[in-house]
Each structure stands twice: as C-alpha cells, then as structure tokens.
C-alpha cells in the first residue's frame, strides 16, 4: 500500500494504517471516519476526555473502562470502539490526535484526495475555506480536504502544508525575512 509522506514510519502512522486497512477490508471505512471525527470533536471540546487520553496516571484497566464508556456514550462504531480499547490497553491514547490525522490522510488518499493543513491567524469563514479549496484544487488537480487551525502569532496570512510541501504566506514569516535581510 502506498503511504504518502511516510505515514507508516511513525508509531501513530502504524496504528492509523492498521485501523485504515481493517476498516477498508471490512467495508466500514465511512463509519470509522465518522466515528473518528466524533472522537476528534470530543478531544477538542471535553477537557475530561482529553485528560483521559493524555494522563500517564490512569492505569490500563481504568483507561479501557473509561474509553469503553465514552465510546458507548458517543455512539461510535464497533471497529473504532475496539480500536480505542486497544490503544488504552497499549497505553497509546496520547497518540490519538496524530493517529486521527494520519488516518484521515490515508482515507483521503484512498479516495484520490489530498489533505492540506491550513493555519491562519484568524478563523476562516465558509466562503474563505471554499475559495481556498478551489485554489488548491486548481493548483493540485485533485480534491483537497482542509484541516484548519488558528495561530494568532502568524499576525495575518496563511501557512498551508500538503505532504512535504509548505506554502507560507504569513505576515510573521515576511517580517522575519525582512529583519534577516536588514541584518545583511
């Protein structure tokens, strides 16, 4: 299987690849993608769930029980629920955000899409996201999924990462370049 960007080289990449192949082979890819999106949202919105996944103080058994209860409450599919249980038993819940990112990249590649990680100084509205997707689609010749994040330190502009390519049009980088040029 082709893994763009060396996904399989990392620990999170190996877990993501295993989950992706299991979901693909069992024809459960859409269900698993939807469940992982729910998990990602829970990580972003619930401090308790985030603490569960990052705390080294929670034992394997307690983490597995908590993850099972959370999976049931979130109505996750069985494959994703079982996968979270494996992560809890192997003490790898801290890798969950990276696993979800890698899984999304694998799923997008499977559909012939590309994922772009876009960081902006301010949240982008729907029309800006659509315009960005259209420009990236034109440039790359294929559909592009966009993972958005906000970093106020950029001051303005965007940083777009697609695989190993990076397009940095942030004001922060321009100011740093100008300062470096002035030091000459």
Foldseek 3Di string as FASTA:
>chain_A
DDQFLPLCVDPLSVLLVVLLVVCVVVVNLVLQLVLLVLVVVCCVPPPVSVCLLPPPPQALVRSLVVLLVVCVVSVGDPSNSVSSNVCSNVSNSVCSVVNSVSNVQVVQVVVVEWEKEKEFLDDDDPVVVVVVQVVVCVVVVHGYHYHYDYDNVLVGDMWIDTNPDIDDPGPNVVVVVVVVVVVD
